[in-house]
Amino acid sequence: MSKATSSAPSQRMLRVGEQVRAAITQVLQRGEVRDDLIEKTVISVSEVRMSPDLKIATAYVTPLGVSDHAKVIEALNRHAKFIRGRLGGQLRQMKYMPEVRFRDDTSFDNYKKIDALLRSPEVQRDLEADASDDTDQ
């Protein structure tokens, strides 16, 4: 009997991802990474996705107040091995310390686009038309 494969992350991947996210956040908050760009930037770690074997952690981050996210992401990836080493104390229960990769979190941009669409005159007109149809009945 074979297991059905699914693209959704398992409970274990989600739990470990959240633990890694919290550990990365603590390392960044404590200022352990000695890089001028990282030290002066507030970085939000919104999500960490783990590979199925838990050996790769992809951290989605948003540098706040910085127009060029690419430079901050590049600096984080340059210091990824150091950050990985600093995670050891908080992730002692893991058999293997995951390799950390940093990516720009674009979900906030997507939320802005959706919000702008919902506020557009065309959508507002359609919503008003639907509301008037409901009151007629």
C-alpha atoms as a PDB file:
ATOM      1  CA  MET A   1       0.000   0.000   0.000  1.00  0.00           C
ATOM      2  CA  SER A   2       1.592   3.276  -1.081  1.00  0.00           C
ATOM      3  CA  LYS A   3       1.225   6.632   0.585  1.00  0.00           C
ATOM      4  CA  ALA A   4      -0.399   9.412  -1.395  1.00  0.00           C
ATOM      5  CA  THR A   5       2.104  12.181  -1.942  1.00  0.00           C
ATOM      6  CA  SER A   6       1.015  15.697  -1.236  1.00  0.00           C
ATOM      7  CA  SER A   7       2.628  19.053  -1.884  1.00  0.00           C
ATOM      8  CA  ALA A   8       1.366  20.391   1.440  1.00  0.00           C
ATOM      9  CA  PRO A   9       3.952  20.514   4.229  1.00  0.00           C
ATOM     10  CA  SER A  10       3.646  17.982   7.019  1.00  0.00           C
ATOM     11  CA  GLN A  11       2.929  18.958  10.619  1.00  0.00           C
ATOM     12  CA  ARG A  12       6.544  18.188  11.469  1.00  0.00           C
ATOM     13  CA  MET A  13       7.844  20.480   8.694  1.00  0.00           C
ATOM     14  CA  LEU A  14       5.556  23.277   9.906  1.00  0.00           C
ATOM     15  CA  ARG A  15       6.580  22.839  13.558  1.00  0.00           C
ATOM     16  CA  VAL A  16      10.315  22.743  12.799  1.00  0.00           C
ATOM     17  CA  GLY A  17       9.944  25.683  10.410  1.00  0.00           C
ATOM     18  CA  GLU A  18       8.373  27.754  13.174  1.00  0.00           C
ATOM     19  CA  GLN A  19      11.163  26.794  15.590  1.00  0.00           C
ATOM     20  CA  VAL A  20      13.808  27.777  13.036  1.00  0.00           C
ATOM     21  CA  ARG A  21      11.974  31.077  12.346  1.00  0.00           C
ATOM     22  CA  ALA A  22      11.987  31.933  16.050  1.00  0.00           C
ATOM     23  CA  ALA A  23      15.678  31.031  16.358  1.00  0.00           C
ATOM     24  CA  ILE A  24      16.684  33.149  13.327  1.00  0.00           C
ATOM     25  CA  THR A  25      14.643  36.056  14.687  1.00  0.00           C
ATOM     26  CA  GLN A  26      16.479  35.852  18.024  1.00  0.00           C
ATOM     27  CA  VAL A  27      19.893  35.794  16.328  1.00  0.00           C
ATOM     28  CA  LEU A  28      18.989  38.885  14.287  1.00  0.00           C
ATOM     29  CA  GLN A  29      17.442  40.720  17.260  1.00  0.00           C
ATOM     30  CA  ARG A  30      20.481  40.161  19.454  1.00  0.00           C
ATOM     31  CA  GLY A  31      22.709  41.680  16.762  1.00  0.00           C
ATOM     32  CA  GLU A  32      25.005  38.667  16.588  1.00  0.00           C
ATOM     33  CA  VAL A  33      25.661  39.142  12.867  1.00  0.00           C
ATOM     34  CA  ARG A  34      28.416  41.723  12.427  1.00  0.00           C
ATOM     35  CA  ASP A  35      27.412  43.430   9.198  1.00  0.00           C
ATOM     36  CA  ASP A  36      26.635  47.151   9.014  1.00  0.00           C
ATOM     37  CA  LEU A  37      23.723  46.663   6.626  1.00  0.00           C
ATOM     38  CA  ILE A  38      22.110  43.910   8.715  1.00  0.00           C
ATOM     39  CA  GLU A  39      22.730  45.693  12.021  1.00  0.00           C
ATOM     40  CA  LYS A  40      21.038  48.934  10.932  1.00  0.00           C
ATOM     41  CA  THR A  41      18.068  47.250   9.215  1.00  0.00           C
ATOM     42  CA  VAL A  42      14.961  45.929  10.923  1.00  0.00           C
ATOM     43  CA  ILE A  43      14.332  42.516   9.378  1.00  0.00           C
ATOM     44  CA  SER A  44      11.034  40.681   9.673  1.00  0.00           C
ATOM     45  CA  VAL A  45      11.199  36.892   9.268  1.00  0.00           C
ATOM     46  CA  SER A  46       7.682  36.064   8.128  1.00  0.00           C
ATOM     47  CA  GLU A  47       8.023  32.355   7.353  1.00  0.00           C
ATOM     48  CA  VAL A  48      10.514  29.506   7.192  1.00  0.00           C
ATOM     49  CA  ARG A  49       9.758  26.593   4.875  1.00  0.00           C
ATOM     50  CA  MET A  50      11.561  23.358   5.546  1.00  0.00           C
ATOM     51  CA  SER A  51      12.496  20.758   2.958  1.00  0.00           C
ATOM     52  CA  PRO A  52      10.879  17.332   3.532  1.00  0.00           C
ATOM     53  CA  ASP A  53      14.150  15.948   4.943  1.00  0.00           C
ATOM     54  CA  LEU A  54      14.484  19.038   7.241  1.00  0.00           C
ATOM     55  CA  LYS A  55      18.002  19.741   5.915  1.00  0.00           C
ATOM     56  CA  ILE A  56      17.198  23.008   4.099  1.00  0.00           C
ATOM     57  CA  ALA A  57      15.401  25.966   5.672  1.00  0.00           C
ATOM     58  CA  THR A  58      14.238  28.708   3.321  1.00  0.00           C
ATOM     59  CA  ALA A  59      13.593  31.869   5.330  1.00  0.00           C
ATOM     60  CA  TYR A  60      11.324  34.509   3.783  1.00  0.00           C
ATOM     61  CA  VAL A  61      12.330  37.908   5.128  1.00  0.00           C
ATOM     62  CA  THR A  62      11.253  41.507   4.659  1.00  0.00           C
ATOM     63  CA  PRO A  63      13.764  44.274   5.359  1.00  0.00           C
ATOM     64  CA  LEU A  64      11.692  47.155   6.723  1.00  0.00           C
ATOM     65  CA  GLY A  65      12.453  50.739   5.743  1.00  0.00           C
ATOM     66  CA  VAL A  66      14.876  49.739   2.990  1.00  0.00           C
ATOM     67  CA  SER A  67      14.146  50.316  -0.690  1.00  0.00           C
ATOM     68  CA  ASP A  68      16.724  47.806  -1.998  1.00  0.00           C
ATOM     69  CA  HIS A  69      15.824  44.442  -0.503  1.00  0.00           C
ATOM     70  CA  ALA A  70      18.319  42.600  -2.712  1.00  0.00           C
ATOM     71  CA  LYS A  71      21.353  43.992  -0.871  1.00  0.00           C
ATOM     72  CA  VAL A  72      19.987  42.910   2.522  1.00  0.00           C
ATOM     73  CA  ILE A  73      19.078  39.432   1.209  1.00  0.00           C
ATOM     74  CA  GLU A  74      22.561  39.124  -0.290  1.00  0.00           C
ATOM     75  CA  ALA A  75      24.154  40.126   3.032  1.00  0.00           C
ATOM     76  CA  LEU A  76      22.031  37.584   4.915  1.00  0.00           C
ATOM     77  CA  ASN A  77      22.991  34.821   2.476  1.00  0.00           C
ATOM     78  CA  ARG A  78      26.658  35.810   2.864  1.00  0.00           C
ATOM     79  CA  HIS A  79      26.340  35.253   6.625  1.00  0.00           C
ATOM     80  CA  ALA A  80      24.075  32.176   6.356  1.00  0.00           C
ATOM     81  CA  LYS A  81      26.747  29.762   7.645  1.00  0.00           C
ATOM     82  CA  PHE A  82      27.394  31.942  10.686  1.00  0.00           C
ATOM     83  CA  ILE A  83      23.649  32.206  11.384  1.00  0.00           C
ATOM     84  CA  ARG A  84      23.328  28.439  10.989  1.00  0.00           C
ATOM     85  CA  GLY A  85      26.036  27.979  13.617  1.00  0.00           C
ATOM     86  CA  ARG A  86      24.257  30.336  16.033  1.00  0.00           C
ATOM     87  CA  LEU A  87      20.994  28.352  15.715  1.00  0.00           C
ATOM     88  CA  GLY A  88      22.529  25.294  17.364  1.00  0.00           C
ATOM     89  CA  GLY A  89      21.787  26.338  20.923  1.00  0.00           C
ATOM     90  CA  GLN A  90      18.060  26.737  20.299  1.00  0.00           C
ATOM     91  CA  LEU A  91      17.655  23.731  18.003  1.00  0.00           C
ATOM     92  CA  ARG A  92      19.556  21.110  20.005  1.00  0.00           C
ATOM     93  CA  GLN A  93      16.870  18.488  19.417  1.00  0.00           C
ATOM     94  CA  MET A  94      17.525  18.370  15.666  1.00  0.00           C
ATOM     95  CA  LYS A  95      19.672  15.605  14.260  1.00  0.00           C
ATOM     96  CA  TYR A  96      21.007  17.859  11.471  1.00  0.00           C
ATOM     97  CA  MET A  97      21.267  21.628  11.580  1.00  0.00           C
ATOM     98  CA  PRO A  98      19.492  22.873   8.446  1.00  0.00           C
ATOM     99  CA  GLU A  99      21.236  24.903   5.768  1.00  0.00           C
ATOM    100  CA  VAL A 100      19.631  28.357   5.844  1.00  0.00           C
ATOM    101  CA  ARG A 101      18.708  30.217   2.670  1.00  0.00           C
ATOM    102  CA  PHE A 102      17.203  33.690   2.662  1.00  0.00           C
ATOM    103  CA  ARG A 103      14.626  34.880   0.140  1.00  0.00           C
ATOM    104  CA  ASP A 104      12.714  38.142  -0.225  1.00  0.00           C
ATOM    105  CA  ASP A 105       9.124  37.840   1.002  1.00  0.00           C
ATOM    106  CA  THR A 106       6.899  39.328  -1.689  1.00  0.00           C
ATOM    107  CA  SER A 107       3.592  38.480  -0.006  1.00  0.00           C
ATOM    108  CA  PHE A 108       3.198  42.058   1.271  1.00  0.00           C
ATOM    109  CA  ASP A 109       3.450  43.333  -2.300  1.00  0.00           C
ATOM    110  CA  ASN A 110       0.769  40.849  -3.327  1.00  0.00           C
ATOM    111  CA  TYR A 111      -1.478  42.056  -0.485  1.00  0.00           C
ATOM    112  CA  LYS A 112      -1.014  45.653  -1.670  1.00  0.00           C
ATOM    113  CA  LYS A 113      -1.998  44.699  -5.237  1.00  0.00           C
ATOM    114  CA  ILE A 114      -5.113  42.881  -4.042  1.00  0.00           C
ATOM    115  CA  ASP A 115      -6.069  45.805  -1.795  1.00  0.00           C
ATOM    116  CA  ALA A 116      -5.615  48.250  -4.681  1.00  0.00           C
ATOM    117  CA  LEU A 117      -7.804  46.065  -6.903  1.00  0.00           C
ATOM    118  CA  LEU A 118     -10.545  45.858  -4.280  1.00  0.00           C
ATOM    119  CA  ARG A 119     -10.501  49.642  -3.900  1.00  0.00           C
ATOM    120  CA  SER A 120     -10.593  50.306  -7.662  1.00  0.00           C
ATOM    121  CA  PRO A 121     -13.672  52.121  -9.022  1.00  0.00           C
ATOM    122  CA  GLU A 122     -14.684  49.144 -11.186  1.00  0.00           C
ATOM    123  CA  VAL A 123     -14.864  46.769  -8.235  1.00  0.00           C
ATOM    124  CA  GLN A 124     -16.611  49.353  -6.043  1.00  0.00           C
ATOM    125  CA  ARG A 125     -19.202  49.867  -8.792  1.00  0.00           C
ATOM    126  CA  ASP A 126     -19.817  46.116  -8.994  1.00  0.00           C
ATOM    127  CA  LEU A 127     -20.126  45.844  -5.212  1.00  0.00           C
ATOM    128  CA  GLU A 128     -22.638  48.706  -5.131  1.00  0.00           C
ATOM    129  CA  ALA A 129     -24.650  47.026  -7.922  1.00  0.00           C
ATOM    130  CA  ASP A 130     -24.730  43.751  -5.965  1.00  0.00           C
ATOM    131  CA  ALA A 131     -25.843  45.545  -2.805  1.00  0.00           C
ATOM    132  CA  SER A 132     -28.709  47.295  -4.604  1.00  0.00           C
ATOM    133  CA  ASP A 133     -29.830  43.972  -6.161  1.00  0.00           C
ATOM    134  CA  ASP A 134     -29.974  42.397  -2.691  1.00  0.00           C
ATOM    135  CA  THR A 135     -32.119  45.199  -1.255  1.00  0.00           C
ATOM    136  CA  ASP A 136     -34.624  44.942  -4.123  1.00  0.00           C
ATOM    137  CA  GLN A 137     -35.504  41.376  -3.205  1.00  0.00           C
END
